[in-house]
Protein backbone atom coordinates (compact mmCIF):
# COMPACT_ATOMS: atom_id res chain seq x y z
CA UNK A 1 0.00 0.00 0.00
CA UNK A 2 1.11 3.54 -0.61
CA UNK A 3 1.37 5.95 2.33
CA UNK A 4 -1.77 7.74 1.16
CA UNK A 5 -3.75 4.50 1.04
CA UNK A 6 -2.45 3.51 4.47
CA UNK A 7 -3.45 6.88 5.96
CA UNK A 8 -6.90 6.65 4.38
CA UNK A 9 -7.38 3.12 5.72
CA UNK A 10 -6.16 4.04 9.22
CA UNK A 11 -8.32 7.14 9.59
CA UNK A 12 -11.34 6.13 7.55
CA UNK A 13 -11.16 9.41 5.58
CA UNK A 14 -10.74 9.94 1.86
CA UNK A 15 -7.47 11.28 0.46
CA UNK A 16 -9.16 14.67 -0.20
CA UNK A 17 -10.36 14.89 3.42
CA UNK A 18 -6.86 13.99 4.67
CA UNK A 19 -5.27 16.65 2.45
CA UNK A 20 -7.74 19.26 3.72
CA UNK A 21 -7.05 18.38 7.36
CA UNK A 22 -3.26 18.49 6.81
CA UNK A 23 -3.50 21.92 5.18
CA UNK A 24 -5.77 23.13 7.97
CA UNK A 25 -3.24 21.93 10.62
CA UNK A 26 -0.30 23.58 8.86
CA UNK A 27 -2.14 26.89 8.53
CA UNK A 28 -3.35 26.74 12.13
CA UNK A 29 0.22 26.04 13.32
CA UNK A 30 1.42 29.08 11.39
CA UNK A 31 -1.31 31.29 12.88
CA UNK A 32 -0.51 30.02 16.39
CA UNK A 33 3.19 30.79 15.90
CA UNK A 34 2.33 34.34 14.77
CA UNK A 35 0.09 34.85 17.80
CA UNK A 36 2.82 33.58 20.17
CA UNK A 37 5.36 35.87 18.54
CA UNK A 38 3.11 38.90 19.03
CA UNK A 39 2.75 38.12 22.73
CA UNK A 40 6.50 37.71 23.34
CA UNK A 41 8.03 41.23 23.60
CA UNK A 42 11.57 39.92 23.07
CA UNK A 43 10.65 38.81 19.54
CA UNK A 44 9.08 42.10 18.48
CA UNK A 45 11.15 44.40 16.29
CA UNK A 46 12.37 47.57 18.01
CA UNK A 47 10.53 50.84 17.68
CA UNK A 48 12.38 53.99 16.61
CA UNK A 49 9.47 56.41 16.78
CA UNK A 50 9.52 59.87 18.26
CA UNK A 51 7.31 62.93 18.33
CA UNK A 52 8.33 66.00 16.33
CA UNK A 53 5.94 68.93 16.34
CA UNK A 54 3.12 66.75 17.60
CA UNK A 55 3.59 64.28 14.70
CA UNK A 56 4.98 60.74 14.85
CA UNK A 57 8.25 60.29 12.95
CA UNK A 58 10.24 57.07 12.72
CA UNK A 59 9.94 53.38 12.18
CA UNK A 60 8.50 50.47 14.12
CA UNK A 61 7.74 46.85 13.31
CA UNK A 62 4.61 47.67 11.37
CA UNK A 63 4.72 51.28 10.10
CA UNK A 64 6.99 54.01 8.80
CA UNK A 65 5.78 57.31 10.25
CA UNK A 66 6.46 60.48 8.26
CA UNK A 67 4.41 63.05 10.12
CA UNK A 68 0.83 62.72 8.90
CA UNK A 69 1.80 59.93 6.46
CA UNK A 70 1.90 56.31 7.64
CA UNK A 71 3.42 53.68 5.29
CA UNK A 72 3.72 49.91 5.83
CA UNK A 73 7.28 48.76 6.60
CA UNK A 74 6.93 46.12 3.86
CA UNK A 75 7.65 48.96 1.41
CA UNK A 76 11.27 48.94 2.63
CA UNK A 77 11.71 45.62 0.84
CA UNK A 78 10.79 47.27 -2.45
CA UNK A 79 13.44 49.99 -2.22
CA UNK A 80 16.41 49.50 -4.59
CA UNK A 81 19.10 49.56 -1.92
CA UNK A 82 22.27 47.84 -3.14
CA UNK A 83 24.33 47.84 0.04
CA UNK A 84 26.34 44.79 0.97
CA UNK A 85 26.76 43.70 4.55
CA UNK A 86 30.13 42.15 3.74
CA UNK A 87 32.76 44.74 2.66
CA UNK A 88 35.01 42.05 1.16
CA UNK A 89 32.16 40.77 -0.98
CA UNK A 90 31.23 44.33 -1.97
CA UNK A 91 34.83 45.02 -3.07
CA UNK A 92 34.94 41.77 -5.02
CA UNK A 93 31.63 42.65 -6.70
CA UNK A 94 33.06 46.06 -7.63
CA UNK A 95 36.13 44.44 -9.19
CA UNK A 96 34.01 41.94 -11.11
CA UNK A 97 31.81 44.76 -12.33
CA UNK A 98 34.87 46.72 -13.52
CA UNK A 99 36.24 43.62 -15.30
CA UNK A 100 32.87 43.06 -16.95
CA UNK A 101 32.77 46.67 -18.13
CA UNK A 102 36.32 46.35 -19.51
CA UNK A 103 35.33 43.23 -21.42
CA UNK A 104 32.29 44.95 -22.92
CA UNK A 105 34.40 47.96 -23.87
CA UNK A 106 37.02 45.72 -25.52
CA UNK A 107 34.31 43.86 -27.42
CA UNK A 108 32.82 47.13 -28.68
CA UNK A 109 36.27 48.36 -29.62
CA UNK A 110 37.07 45.11 -31.46
CA UNK A 111 33.82 45.35 -33.39
CA UNK A 112 34.63 48.97 -34.22
CA UNK A 113 38.15 47.97 -35.33
CA UNK A 114 36.76 45.28 -37.65
CA UNK A 115 34.29 47.77 -39.07
CA UNK A 116 37.10 50.30 -39.53
CA UNK A 117 39.24 47.75 -41.40
CA UNK A 118 36.29 46.86 -43.62
CA UNK A 119 35.64 50.53 -44.41
CA UNK A 120 39.32 51.13 -45.18
CA UNK A 121 39.33 48.16 -47.58
CA UNK A 122 36.22 49.50 -49.33
CA UNK A 123 37.74 52.99 -49.65
CA UNK A 124 40.99 51.52 -51.03
CA UNK A 125 39.03 49.47 -53.55
CA UNK A 126 37.06 52.58 -54.62
CA UNK A 127 40.26 54.66 -54.92
CA UNK A 128 41.96 51.92 -56.96
CA UNK A 129 38.94 51.79 -59.27
CA UNK A 130 39.02 55.60 -59.72
CA UNK A 131 42.80 55.46 -60.34
CA UNK A 132 42.40 52.70 -62.93
CA UNK A 133 39.55 54.66 -64.58
CA UNK A 134 41.66 57.85 -64.86
CA UNK A 135 44.61 55.84 -66.20
CA UNK A 136 42.35 54.21 -68.80
CA UNK A 137 40.98 57.64 -69.83
CA UNK A 138 44.52 58.95 -70.49
CA UNK A 139 45.53 56.13 -72.77
CA UNK A 140 44.23 55.74 -76.29
CA UNK A 141 42.20 52.69 -77.00
CA UNK A 142 43.67 50.15 -79.39
CA UNK A 143 42.37 50.62 -82.85
CA UNK A 144 42.12 46.91 -83.29
CA UNK A 145 45.00 46.73 -85.89
CA UNK A 146 47.80 44.27 -85.48
């Protein structure tokens, strides 16, 4: 028997009923953990809120206070802050970024050099054609007599 069949046989419930009860237990466990965390003051984030001119200013675990404006702290996660906690890693990232930029620059320059060589070859071919044309215009054509 598979584990699902064994669980259904042991409990007398269908697989759908078992899945629903498992989901309900997991969700209830999550909600209980959240409630316990709210009650324990040591697990709450600190509050850096003060009063300036009768208005709340600062940050706590739930809100960012900017005077009369109150924003959810979840917005902090959306800010494009690119700070590294590890200065060694940040320095290494800077060096890799500089190397990457150098490689892109060299690739652009190589492509430009190839294009330059191609253009020079075309100009030389055009100049040679013009030179040959002028030379042919200065000489008399053969009259066709031997």
